[in-house]
PDB file of all heavy atoms in Angstrom:
ATOM      1  N   GLY A   1      17.557 -41.755  -5.020  1.00  0.00           N
ATOM      2  CA  GLY A   1      17.563 -41.997  -6.460  1.00  0.00           C
ATOM      3  C   GLY A   1      16.246 -41.713  -7.151  1.00  0.00           C
ATOM      4  O   GLY A   1      16.091 -42.037  -8.330  1.00  0.00           O
ATOM      5  N   ARG A   2      15.270 -41.103  -6.441  1.00  0.00           N
ATOM      6  CA  ARG A   2      13.978 -40.814  -7.069  1.00  0.00           C
ATOM      7  C   ARG A   2      14.115 -39.686  -8.096  1.00  0.00           C
ATOM      8  O   ARG A   2      14.974 -38.817  -7.984  1.00  0.00           O
ATOM      9  CB  ARG A   2      12.954 -40.397  -6.009  1.00  0.00           C
ATOM     10  CG  ARG A   2      12.810 -41.378  -4.855  1.00  0.00           C
ATOM     11  CD  ARG A   2      11.988 -42.562  -5.216  1.00  0.00           C
ATOM     12  NE  ARG A   2      11.772 -43.420  -4.053  1.00  0.00           N
ATOM     13  CZ  ARG A   2      10.787 -43.266  -3.182  1.00  0.00           C
ATOM     14  NH1 ARG A   2       9.913 -42.276  -3.344  1.00  0.00           N
ATOM     15  NH2 ARG A   2      10.667 -44.099  -2.162  1.00  0.00           N
ATOM     16  N   GLU A   3      13.234 -39.673  -9.082  1.00  0.00           N
ATOM     17  CA  GLU A   3      13.231 -38.610 -10.088  1.00  0.00           C
ATOM     18  C   GLU A   3      12.698 -37.319  -9.482  1.00  0.00           C
ATOM     19  O   GLU A   3      11.878 -37.328  -8.549  1.00  0.00           O
ATOM     20  CB  GLU A   3      12.381 -39.008 -11.285  1.00  0.00           C
ATOM     21  CG  GLU A   3      12.993 -40.091 -12.149  1.00  0.00           C
ATOM     22  CD  GLU A   3      12.207 -40.305 -13.431  1.00  0.00           C
ATOM     23  OE1 GLU A   3      11.031 -39.882 -13.471  1.00  0.00           O
ATOM     24  OE2 GLU A   3      12.763 -40.888 -14.378  1.00  0.00           O
ATOM     25  N   LEU A   4      13.172 -36.194 -10.014  1.00  0.00           N
ATOM     26  CA  LEU A   4      12.778 -34.888  -9.502  1.00  0.00           C
ATOM     27  C   LEU A   4      11.274 -34.682  -9.602  1.00  0.00           C
ATOM     28  O   LEU A   4      10.647 -34.178  -8.657  1.00  0.00           O
ATOM     29  CB  LEU A   4      13.515 -33.794 -10.284  1.00  0.00           C
ATOM     30  CG  LEU A   4      13.169 -32.352  -9.920  1.00  0.00           C
ATOM     31  CD1 LEU A   4      13.565 -32.034  -8.488  1.00  0.00           C
ATOM     32  CD2 LEU A   4      13.847 -31.384 -10.894  1.00  0.00           C
ATOM     33  N   ASN A   5      10.677 -35.061 -10.725  1.00  0.00           N
ATOM     34  CA  ASN A   5       9.245 -34.855 -10.924  1.00  0.00           C
ATOM     35  C   ASN A   5       8.417 -35.552  -9.852  1.00  0.00           C
ATOM     36  O   ASN A   5       7.507 -34.957  -9.264  1.00  0.00           O
ATOM     37  CB  ASN A   5       8.841 -35.355 -12.312  1.00  0.00           C
ATOM     38  CG  ASN A   5       7.349 -35.290 -12.541  1.00  0.00           C
ATOM     39  OD1 ASN A   5       6.745 -34.232 -12.476  1.00  0.00           O
ATOM     40  ND2 ASN A   5       6.748 -36.441 -12.788  1.00  0.00           N
ATOM     41  N   GLY A   6       8.744 -36.819  -9.569  1.00  0.00           N
ATOM     42  CA  GLY A   6       7.983 -37.560  -8.569  1.00  0.00           C
ATOM     43  C   GLY A   6       8.134 -36.990  -7.172  1.00  0.00           C
ATOM     44  O   GLY A   6       7.155 -36.900  -6.406  1.00  0.00           O
ATOM     45  N   VAL A   7       9.348 -36.590  -6.809  1.00  0.00           N
ATOM     46  CA  VAL A   7       9.575 -36.033  -5.472  1.00  0.00           C
ATOM     47  C   VAL A   7       8.862 -34.691  -5.323  1.00  0.00           C
ATOM     48  O   VAL A   7       8.271 -34.396  -4.277  1.00  0.00           O
ATOM     49  CB  VAL A   7      11.085 -35.883  -5.209  1.00  0.00           C
ATOM     50  CG1 VAL A   7      11.344 -35.221  -3.866  1.00  0.00           C
ATOM     51  CG2 VAL A   7      11.771 -37.241  -5.251  1.00  0.00           C
ATOM     52  N   LEU A   8       8.874 -33.867  -6.374  1.00  0.00           N
ATOM     53  CA  LEU A   8       8.182 -32.581  -6.296  1.00  0.00           C
ATOM     54  C   LEU A   8       6.677 -32.755  -6.181  1.00  0.00           C
ATOM     55  O   LEU A   8       6.008 -31.988  -5.470  1.00  0.00           O
ATOM     56  CB  LEU A   8       8.515 -31.731  -7.527  1.00  0.00           C
ATOM     57  CG  LEU A   8       9.868 -31.002  -7.513  1.00  0.00           C
ATOM     58  CD1 LEU A   8      10.035 -30.176  -8.780  1.00  0.00           C
ATOM     59  CD2 LEU A   8       9.991 -30.112  -6.286  1.00  0.00           C
ATOM     60  N   ARG A   9       6.126 -33.749  -6.849  1.00  0.00           N
ATOM     61  CA  ARG A   9       4.681 -33.995  -6.726  1.00  0.00           C
ATOM     62  C   ARG A   9       4.322 -34.398  -5.305  1.00  0.00           C
ATOM     63  O   ARG A   9       3.321 -33.927  -4.740  1.00  0.00           O
ATOM     64  CB  ARG A   9       4.245 -35.075  -7.715  1.00  0.00           C
ATOM     65  CG  ARG A   9       4.259 -34.619  -9.167  1.00  0.00           C
ATOM     66  CD  ARG A   9       3.740 -35.686 -10.113  1.00  0.00           C
ATOM     67  NE  ARG A   9       3.831 -35.253 -11.494  1.00  0.00           N
ATOM     68  CZ  ARG A   9       2.919 -34.511 -12.107  1.00  0.00           C
ATOM     69  NH1 ARG A   9       1.821 -34.140 -11.447  1.00  0.00           N
ATOM     70  NH2 ARG A   9       3.067 -34.158 -13.373  1.00  0.00           N
ATOM     71  N   SER A  10       5.128 -35.268  -4.712  1.00  0.00           N
ATOM     72  CA  SER A  10       4.892 -35.669  -3.326  1.00  0.00           C
ATOM     73  C   SER A  10       5.067 -34.480  -2.379  1.00  0.00           C
ATOM     74  O   SER A  10       4.288 -34.285  -1.444  1.00  0.00           O
ATOM     75  CB  SER A  10       5.856 -36.797  -2.956  1.00  0.00           C
ATOM     76  OG  SER A  10       5.733 -37.140  -1.599  1.00  0.00           O
ATOM     77  N   HIS A  11       6.096 -33.672  -2.640  1.00  0.00           N
ATOM     78  CA  HIS A  11       6.363 -32.495  -1.813  1.00  0.00           C
ATOM     79  C   HIS A  11       5.209 -31.500  -1.914  1.00  0.00           C
ATOM     80  O   HIS A  11       4.802 -30.900  -0.910  1.00  0.00           O
ATOM     81  CB  HIS A  11       7.665 -31.855  -2.291  1.00  0.00           C
ATOM     82  CG  HIS A  11       8.295 -30.933  -1.300  1.00  0.00           C
ATOM     83  ND1 HIS A  11       8.651 -31.323  -0.028  1.00  0.00           N
ATOM     84  CD2 HIS A  11       8.661 -29.617  -1.406  1.00  0.00           C
ATOM     85  CE1 HIS A  11       9.210 -30.310   0.615  1.00  0.00           C
ATOM     86  NE2 HIS A  11       9.212 -29.255  -0.199  1.00  0.00           N
ATOM     87  N   ALA A  12       4.679 -31.313  -3.119  1.00  0.00           N
ATOM     88  CA  ALA A  12       3.565 -30.388  -3.321  1.00  0.00           C
ATOM     89  C   ALA A  12       2.310 -30.864  -2.598  1.00  0.00           C
ATOM     90  O   ALA A  12       1.561 -30.056  -2.028  1.00  0.00           O
ATOM     91  CB  ALA A  12       3.292 -30.230  -4.817  1.00  0.00           C
ATOM     92  N   ALA A  13       2.073 -32.183  -2.625  1.00  0.00           N
ATOM     93  CA  ALA A  13       0.905 -32.719  -1.915  1.00  0.00           C
ATOM     94  C   ALA A  13       1.025 -32.467  -0.408  1.00  0.00           C
ATOM     95  O   ALA A  13       0.033 -32.118   0.256  1.00  0.00           O
ATOM     96  CB  ALA A  13       0.774 -34.211  -2.196  1.00  0.00           C
ATOM     97  N   THR A  14       2.223 -32.622   0.138  1.00  0.00           N
ATOM     98  CA  THR A  14       2.438 -32.342   1.558  1.00  0.00           C
ATOM     99  C   THR A  14       2.249 -30.856   1.846  1.00  0.00           C
ATOM    100  O   THR A  14       1.680 -30.474   2.880  1.00  0.00           O
ATOM    101  CB  THR A  14       3.851 -32.775   1.975  1.00  0.00           C
ATOM    102  OG1 THR A  14       4.033 -34.152   1.670  1.00  0.00           O
ATOM    103  CG2 THR A  14       4.063 -32.571   3.467  1.00  0.00           C
ATOM    104  N   PHE A  15       2.708 -30.009   0.938  1.00  0.00           N
ATOM    105  CA  PHE A  15       2.528 -28.558   1.093  1.00  0.00           C
ATOM    106  C   PHE A  15       1.051 -28.202   1.186  1.00  0.00           C
ATOM    107  O   PHE A  15       0.641 -27.407   2.044  1.00  0.00           O
ATOM    108  CB  PHE A  15       3.182 -27.844  -0.089  1.00  0.00           C
ATOM    109  CG  PHE A  15       3.046 -26.349  -0.057  1.00  0.00           C
ATOM    110  CD1 PHE A  15       3.932 -25.571   0.674  1.00  0.00           C
ATOM    111  CD2 PHE A  15       2.047 -25.710  -0.782  1.00  0.00           C
ATOM    112  CE1 PHE A  15       3.811 -24.186   0.699  1.00  0.00           C
ATOM    113  CE2 PHE A  15       1.921 -24.339  -0.762  1.00  0.00           C
ATOM    114  CZ  PHE A  15       2.804 -23.566  -0.023  1.00  0.00           C
ATOM    115  N   THR A  16       0.258 -28.777   0.302  1.00  0.00           N
ATOM    116  CA  THR A  16      -1.185 -28.510   0.328  1.00  0.00           C
ATOM    117  C   THR A  16      -1.809 -29.014   1.621  1.00  0.00           C
ATOM    118  O   THR A  16      -2.679 -28.354   2.215  1.00  0.00           O
ATOM    119  CB  THR A  16      -1.861 -29.169  -0.878  1.00  0.00           C
ATOM    120  OG1 THR A  16      -1.323 -28.626  -2.088  1.00  0.00           O
ATOM    121  CG2 THR A  16      -3.366 -28.959  -0.847  1.00  0.00           C
ATOM    122  N   GLU A  17      -1.363 -30.171   2.092  1.00  0.00           N
ATOM    123  CA  GLU A  17      -1.900 -30.731   3.333  1.00  0.00           C
ATOM    124  C   GLU A  17      -1.591 -29.832   4.524  1.00  0.00           C
ATOM    125  O   GLU A  17      -2.433 -29.662   5.418  1.00  0.00           O
ATOM    126  CB  GLU A  17      -1.295 -32.117   3.563  1.00  0.00           C
ATOM    127  CG  GLU A  17      -1.793 -32.813   4.819  1.00  0.00           C
ATOM    128  CD  GLU A  17      -1.152 -34.170   5.024  1.00  0.00           C
ATOM    129  OE1 GLU A  17      -0.491 -34.661   4.074  1.00  0.00           O
ATOM    130  OE2 GLU A  17      -1.284 -34.726   6.120  1.00  0.00           O
ATOM    131  N   ILE A  18      -0.412 -29.218   4.551  1.00  0.00           N
ATOM    132  CA  ILE A  18      -0.009 -28.385   5.680  1.00  0.00           C
ATOM    133  C   ILE A  18      -0.606 -26.990   5.585  1.00  0.00           C
ATOM    134  O   ILE A  18      -1.097 -26.444   6.582  1.00  0.00           O
ATOM    135  CB  ILE A  18       1.534 -28.301   5.758  1.00  0.00           C
ATOM    136  CG1 ILE A  18       2.119 -29.672   6.105  1.00  0.00           C
ATOM    137  CG2 ILE A  18       1.977 -27.270   6.797  1.00  0.00           C
ATOM    138  CD1 ILE A  18       3.627 -29.715   6.065  1.00  0.00           C
ATOM    139  N   THR A  19      -0.587 -26.396   4.391  1.00  0.00           N
ATOM    140  CA  THR A  19      -0.959 -24.988   4.237  1.00  0.00           C
ATOM    141  C   THR A  19      -2.353 -24.767   3.687  1.00  0.00           C
ATOM    142  O   THR A  19      -2.849 -23.635   3.717  1.00  0.00           O
ATOM    143  CB  THR A  19       0.037 -24.301   3.290  1.00  0.00           C
ATOM    144  OG1 THR A  19      -0.108 -24.861   1.974  1.00  0.00           O
ATOM    145  CG2 THR A  19       1.472 -24.507   3.775  1.00  0.00           C
ATOM    146  N   SER A  20      -2.982 -25.819   3.142  1.00  0.00           N
ATOM    147  CA  SER A  20      -4.290 -25.731   2.485  1.00  0.00           C
ATOM    148  C   SER A  20      -4.243 -24.953   1.171  1.00  0.00           C
ATOM    149  O   SER A  20      -5.287 -24.628   0.604  1.00  0.00           O
ATOM    150  CB  SER A  20      -5.338 -25.091   3.414  1.00  0.00           C
ATOM    151  OG  SER A  20      -5.480 -25.863   4.592  1.00  0.00           O
ATOM    152  N   LEU A  21      -3.032 -24.650   0.672  1.00  0.00           N
ATOM    153  CA  LEU A  21      -2.899 -23.982  -0.622  1.00  0.00           C
ATOM    154  C   LEU A  21      -2.794 -25.040  -1.722  1.00  0.00           C
ATOM    155  O   LEU A  21      -1.910 -25.890  -1.678  1.00  0.00           O
ATOM    156  CB  LEU A  21      -1.649 -23.107  -0.656  1.00  0.00           C
ATOM    157  CG  LEU A  21      -1.713 -21.761   0.063  1.00  0.00           C
ATOM    158  CD1 LEU A  21      -0.353 -21.076   0.030  1.00  0.00           C
ATOM    159  CD2 LEU A  21      -2.753 -20.859  -0.580  1.00  0.00           C
ATOM    160  N   PRO A  22      -3.673 -25.007  -2.723  1.00  0.00           N
ATOM    161  CA  PRO A  22      -3.606 -26.010  -3.793  1.00  0.00           C
ATOM    162  C   PRO A  22      -2.413 -25.765  -4.720  1.00  0.00           C
ATOM    163  O   PRO A  22      -2.058 -24.624  -5.017  1.00  0.00           O
ATOM    164  CB  PRO A  22      -4.935 -25.827  -4.529  1.00  0.00           C
ATOM    165  CG  PRO A  22      -5.318 -24.408  -4.263  1.00  0.00           C
ATOM    166  CD  PRO A  22      -4.810 -24.081  -2.895  1.00  0.00           C
ATOM    167  N   ILE A  23      -1.788 -26.855  -5.169  1.00  0.00           N
ATOM    168  CA  ILE A  23      -0.658 -26.779  -6.100  1.00  0.00           C
ATOM    169  C   ILE A  23      -0.929 -27.727  -7.258  1.00  0.00           C
ATOM    170  O   ILE A  23      -1.370 -28.867  -7.056  1.00  0.00           O
ATOM    171  CB  ILE A  23       0.671 -27.169  -5.432  1.00  0.00           C
ATOM    172  CG1 ILE A  23       1.038 -26.193  -4.316  1.00  0.00           C
ATOM    173  CG2 ILE A  23       1.801 -27.175  -6.459  1.00  0.00           C
ATOM    174  CD1 ILE A  23       2.383 -26.492  -3.685  1.00  0.00           C
ATOM    175  N   GLU A  24      -0.641 -27.263  -8.462  1.00  0.00           N
ATOM    176  CA  GLU A  24      -0.666 -28.116  -9.636  1.00  0.00           C
ATOM    177  C   GLU A  24       0.761 -28.265 -10.163  1.00  0.00           C
ATOM    178  O   GLU A  24       1.499 -27.279 -10.251  1.00  0.00           O
ATOM    179  CB  GLU A  24      -1.560 -27.522 -10.722  1.00  0.00           C
ATOM    180  CG  GLU A  24      -3.042 -27.573 -10.406  1.00  0.00           C
ATOM    181  CD  GLU A  24      -3.888 -27.116 -11.575  1.00  0.00           C
ATOM    182  OE1 GLU A  24      -3.865 -25.897 -11.859  1.00  0.00           O
ATOM    183  OE2 GLU A  24      -4.538 -27.973 -12.223  1.00  0.00           O
ATOM    184  N   VAL A  25       1.125 -29.492 -10.509  1.00  0.00           N
ATOM    185  CA  VAL A  25       2.458 -29.775 -11.044  1.00  0.00           C
ATOM    186  C   VAL A  25       2.301 -30.265 -12.474  1.00  0.00           C
ATOM    187  O   VAL A  25       1.597 -31.251 -12.726  1.00  0.00           O
ATOM    188  CB  VAL A  25       3.200 -30.823 -10.194  1.00  0.00           C
ATOM    189  CG1 VAL A  25       4.589 -31.086 -10.766  1.00  0.00           C
ATOM    190  CG2 VAL A  25       3.307 -30.358  -8.744  1.00  0.00           C
ATOM    191  N   PHE A  26       2.949 -29.586 -13.403  1.00  0.00           N
ATOM    192  CA  PHE A  26       2.888 -29.945 -14.812  1.00  0.00           C
ATOM    193  C   PHE A  26       4.277 -30.356 -15.295  1.00  0.00           C
ATOM    194  O   PHE A  26       5.284 -29.785 -14.884  1.00  0.00           O
ATOM    195  CB  PHE A  26       2.386 -28.772 -15.661  1.00  0.00           C
ATOM    196  CG  PHE A  26       0.993 -28.324 -15.320  1.00  0.00           C
ATOM    197  CD1 PHE A  26       0.790 -27.222 -14.502  1.00  0.00           C
ATOM    198  CD2 PHE A  26      -0.112 -29.010 -15.798  1.00  0.00           C
ATOM    199  CE1 PHE A  26      -0.491 -26.808 -14.172  1.00  0.00           C
ATOM    200  CE2 PHE A  26      -1.398 -28.606 -15.479  1.00  0.00           C
ATOM    201  CZ  PHE A  26      -1.590 -27.504 -14.659  1.00  0.00           C
ATOM    202  N   GLN A  27       4.310 -31.342 -16.182  1.00  0.00           N
ATOM    203  CA  GLN A  27       5.570 -31.802 -16.761  1.00  0.00           C
ATOM    204  C   GLN A  27       5.417 -31.912 -18.262  1.00  0.00           C
ATOM    205  O   GLN A  27       4.419 -32.426 -18.768  1.00  0.00           O
ATOM    206  CB  GLN A  27       5.984 -33.164 -16.193  1.00  0.00           C
ATOM    207  CG  GLN A  27       7.231 -33.745 -16.864  1.00  0.00           C
ATOM    208  CD  GLN A  27       7.569 -35.141 -16.362  1.00  0.00           C
ATOM    209  OE1 GLN A  27       6.993 -35.609 -15.386  1.00  0.00           O
ATOM    210  NE2 GLN A  27       8.496 -35.810 -17.022  1.00  0.00           N
ATOM    211  N   SER A  28       6.441 -31.445 -18.989  1.00  0.00           N
ATOM    212  CA  SER A  28       6.505 -31.645 -20.441  1.00  0.00           C
ATOM    213  C   SER A  28       7.857 -32.249 -20.768  1.00  0.00           C
ATOM    214  O   SER A  28       8.891 -31.826 -20.254  1.00  0.00           O
ATOM    215  CB  SER A  28       6.321 -30.316 -21.174  1.00  0.00           C
ATOM    216  OG  SER A  28       7.388 -29.432 -20.897  1.00  0.00           O
ATOM    217  N   GLY A  29       7.853 -33.253 -21.623  1.00  0.00           N
ATOM    218  CA  GLY A  29       9.081 -33.954 -21.967  1.00  0.00           C
ATOM    219  C   GLY A  29       9.413 -35.025 -20.946  1.00  0.00           C
ATOM    220  O   GLY A  29       8.798 -35.112 -19.876  1.00  0.00           O
ATOM    221  N   ASP A  30      10.366 -35.858 -21.279  1.00  0.00           N
ATOM    222  CA  ASP A  30      10.803 -36.938 -20.398  1.00  0.00           C
ATOM    223  C   ASP A  30      12.001 -36.483 -19.582  1.00  0.00           C
ATOM    224  O   ASP A  30      12.951 -35.899 -20.119  1.00  0.00           O
ATOM    225  CB  ASP A  30      11.191 -38.186 -21.210  1.00  0.00           C
ATOM    226  CG  ASP A  30      10.007 -38.763 -21.966  1.00  0.00           C
ATOM    227  OD1 ASP A  30       8.881 -38.669 -21.436  1.00  0.00           O
ATOM    228  OD2 ASP A  30      10.200 -39.291 -23.079  1.00  0.00           O
ATOM    229  N   GLU A  31      11.939 -36.765 -18.295  1.00  0.00           N
ATOM    230  CA  GLU A  31      13.043 -36.369 -17.414  1.00  0.00           C
ATOM    231  C   GLU A  31      14.279 -37.215 -17.706  1.00  0.00           C
ATOM    232  O   GLU A  31      14.226 -38.437 -17.644  1.00  0.00           O
ATOM    233  CB  GLU A  31      12.636 -36.516 -15.951  1.00  0.00           C
ATOM    234  CG  GLU A  31      13.743 -36.112 -14.983  1.00  0.00           C
ATOM    235  CD  GLU A  31      13.267 -36.102 -13.538  1.00  0.00           C
ATOM    236  OE1 GLU A  31      12.044 -36.108 -13.298  1.00  0.00           O
ATOM    237  OE2 GLU A  31      14.142 -36.098 -12.637  1.00  0.00           O
ATOM    238  N   PRO A  32      15.413 -36.578 -18.026  1.00  0.00           N
ATOM    239  CA  PRO A  32      16.643 -37.339 -18.296  1.00  0.00           C
ATOM    240  C   PRO A  32      17.321 -37.745 -16.992  1.00  0.00           C
ATOM    241  O   PRO A  32      16.876 -37.379 -15.895  1.00  0.00           O
ATOM    242  CB  PRO A  32      17.503 -36.339 -19.071  1.00  0.00           C
ATOM    243  CG  PRO A  32      17.099 -35.026 -18.496  1.00  0.00           C
ATOM    244  CD  PRO A  32      15.620 -35.139 -18.202  1.00  0.00           C
ATOM    245  N   ARG A  33      18.380 -38.513 -17.128  1.00  0.00           N
ATOM    246  CA  ARG A  33      19.172 -38.881 -15.955  1.00  0.00           C
ATOM    247  C   ARG A  33      20.006 -37.681 -15.536  1.00  0.00           C
ATOM    248  O   ARG A  33      20.951 -37.290 -16.211  1.00  0.00           O
ATOM    249  CB  ARG A  33      20.080 -40.066 -16.277  1.00  0.00           C
ATOM    250  CG  ARG A  33      19.340 -41.361 -16.521  1.00  0.00           C
ATOM    251  CD  ARG A  33      20.314 -42.477 -16.816  1.00  0.00           C
ATOM    252  NE  ARG A  33      21.280 -42.656 -15.735  1.00  0.00           N
ATOM    253  CZ  ARG A  33      22.321 -43.472 -15.789  1.00  0.00           C
ATOM    254  NH1 ARG A  33      22.552 -44.163 -16.890  1.00  0.00           N
ATOM    255  NH2 ARG A  33      23.135 -43.585 -14.767  1.00  0.00           N
ATOM    256  N   LEU A  34      19.640 -37.077 -14.413  1.00  0.00           N
ATOM    257  CA  LEU A  34      20.331 -35.909 -13.902  1.00  0.00           C
ATOM    258  C   LEU A  34      21.188 -36.303 -12.703  1.00  0.00           C
ATOM    259  O   LEU A  34      20.839 -37.218 -11.954  1.00  0.00           O
ATOM    260  CB  LEU A  34      19.328 -34.836 -13.473  1.00  0.00           C
ATOM    261  CG  LEU A  34      18.460 -34.232 -14.577  1.00  0.00           C
ATOM    262  CD1 LEU A  34      17.370 -33.367 -13.969  1.00  0.00           C
ATOM    263  CD2 LEU A  34      19.304 -33.412 -15.533  1.00  0.00           C
ATOM    264  N   PRO A  35      22.312 -35.611 -12.500  1.00  0.00           N
ATOM    265  CA  PRO A  35      23.110 -35.873 -11.308  1.00  0.00           C
ATOM    266  C   PRO A  35      22.294 -35.658 -10.043  1.00  0.00           C
ATOM    267  O   PRO A  35      21.403 -34.804  -9.991  1.00  0.00           O
ATOM    268  CB  PRO A  35      24.254 -34.856 -11.416  1.00  0.00           C
ATOM    269  CG  PRO A  35      24.346 -34.528 -12.862  1.00  0.00           C
ATOM    270  CD  PRO A  35      22.943 -34.624 -13.387  1.00  0.00           C
ATOM    271  N   THR A  36      22.584 -36.433  -9.021  1.00  0.00           N
ATOM    272  CA  THR A  36      21.863 -36.313  -7.752  1.00  0.00           C
ATOM    273  C   THR A  36      21.959 -34.897  -7.202  1.00  0.00           C
ATOM    274  O   THR A  36      20.974 -34.337  -6.713  1.00  0.00           O
ATOM    275  CB  THR A  36      22.424 -37.314  -6.729  1.00  0.00           C
ATOM    276  OG1 THR A  36      22.276 -38.642  -7.235  1.00  0.00           O
ATOM    277  CG2 THR A  36      21.689 -37.205  -5.402  1.00  0.00           C
ATOM    278  N   ALA A  37      23.155 -34.314  -7.267  1.00  0.00           N
ATOM    279  CA  ALA A  37      23.342 -32.965  -6.735  1.00  0.00           C
ATOM    280  C   ALA A  37      22.487 -31.953  -7.488  1.00  0.00           C
ATOM    281  O   ALA A  37      21.936 -31.021  -6.893  1.00  0.00           O
ATOM    282  CB  ALA A  37      24.814 -32.574  -6.810  1.00  0.00           C
ATOM    283  N   THR A  38      22.338 -32.117  -8.794  1.00  0.00           N
ATOM    284  CA  THR A  38      21.503 -31.206  -9.577  1.00  0.00           C
ATOM    285  C   THR A  38      20.046 -31.309  -9.150  1.00  0.00           C
ATOM    286  O   THR A  38      19.365 -30.297  -8.942  1.00  0.00           O
ATOM    287  CB  THR A  38      21.618 -31.522 -11.080  1.00  0.00           C
ATOM    288  OG1 THR A  38      22.982 -31.383 -11.477  1.00  0.00           O
ATOM    289  CG2 THR A  38      20.756 -30.588 -11.907  1.00  0.00           C
ATOM    290  N   ARG A  39      19.554 -32.537  -9.005  1.00  0.00           N
ATOM    291  CA  ARG A  39      18.165 -32.725  -8.564  1.00  0.00           C
ATOM    292  C   ARG A  39      17.950 -32.155  -7.160  1.00  0.00           C
ATOM    293  O   ARG A  39      16.906 -31.560  -6.874  1.00  0.00           O
ATOM    294  CB  ARG A  39      17.811 -34.207  -8.605  1.00  0.00           C
ATOM    295  CG  ARG A  39      17.611 -34.727 -10.021  1.00  0.00           C
ATOM    296  CD  ARG A  39      17.223 -36.189 -10.054  1.00  0.00           C
ATOM    297  NE  ARG A  39      18.382 -37.048  -9.838  1.00  0.00           N
ATOM    298  CZ  ARG A  39      18.518 -37.895  -8.839  1.00  0.00           C
ATOM    299  NH1 ARG A  39      17.551 -38.009  -7.941  1.00  0.00           N
ATOM    300  NH2 ARG A  39      19.599 -38.636  -8.730  1.00  0.00           N
ATOM    301  N   ALA A  40      18.935 -32.334  -6.276  1.00  0.00           N
ATOM    302  CA  ALA A  40      18.813 -31.818  -4.915  1.00  0.00           C
ATOM    303  C   ALA A  40      18.765 -30.287  -4.905  1.00  0.00           C
ATOM    304  O   ALA A  40      17.980 -29.684  -4.159  1.00  0.00           O
ATOM    305  CB  ALA A  40      19.970 -32.326  -4.062  1.00  0.00           C
ATOM    306  N   LEU A  41      19.588 -29.648  -5.720  1.00  0.00           N
ATOM    307  CA  LEU A  41      19.594 -28.185  -5.777  1.00  0.00           C
ATOM    308  C   LEU A  41      18.291 -27.644  -6.361  1.00  0.00           C
ATOM    309  O   LEU A  41      17.740 -26.648  -5.862  1.00  0.00           O
ATOM    310  CB  LEU A  41      20.787 -27.707  -6.607  1.00  0.00           C
ATOM    311  CG  LEU A  41      22.167 -27.934  -5.974  1.00  0.00           C
ATOM    312  CD1 LEU A  41      23.273 -27.652  -6.984  1.00  0.00           C
ATOM    313  CD2 LEU A  41      22.348 -27.058  -4.738  1.00  0.00           C
ATOM    314  N   LEU A  42      17.786 -28.284  -7.408  1.00  0.00           N
ATOM    315  CA  LEU A  42      16.502 -27.857  -7.973  1.00  0.00           C
ATOM    316  C   LEU A  42      15.372 -28.043  -6.971  1.00  0.00           C
ATOM    317  O   LEU A  42      14.469 -27.200  -6.864  1.00  0.00           O
ATOM    318  CB  LEU A  42      16.221 -28.647  -9.252  1.00  0.00           C
ATOM    319  CG  LEU A  42      17.111 -28.316 -10.454  1.00  0.00           C
ATOM    320  CD1 LEU A  42      16.923 -29.345 -11.564  1.00  0.00           C
ATOM    321  CD2 LEU A  42      16.821 -26.923 -10.974  1.00  0.00           C
TER     322      LEU A  42
END
């Protein structure tokens, strides 16, 4: 049930830890309530 933005930020931090490639995550607007399947596909 986590929001897409939060999971992607955590995922990006793990990516940087594994690959040493820096990632910046930017968000504009408020994340609406999206279906779980939609968030999983994104």
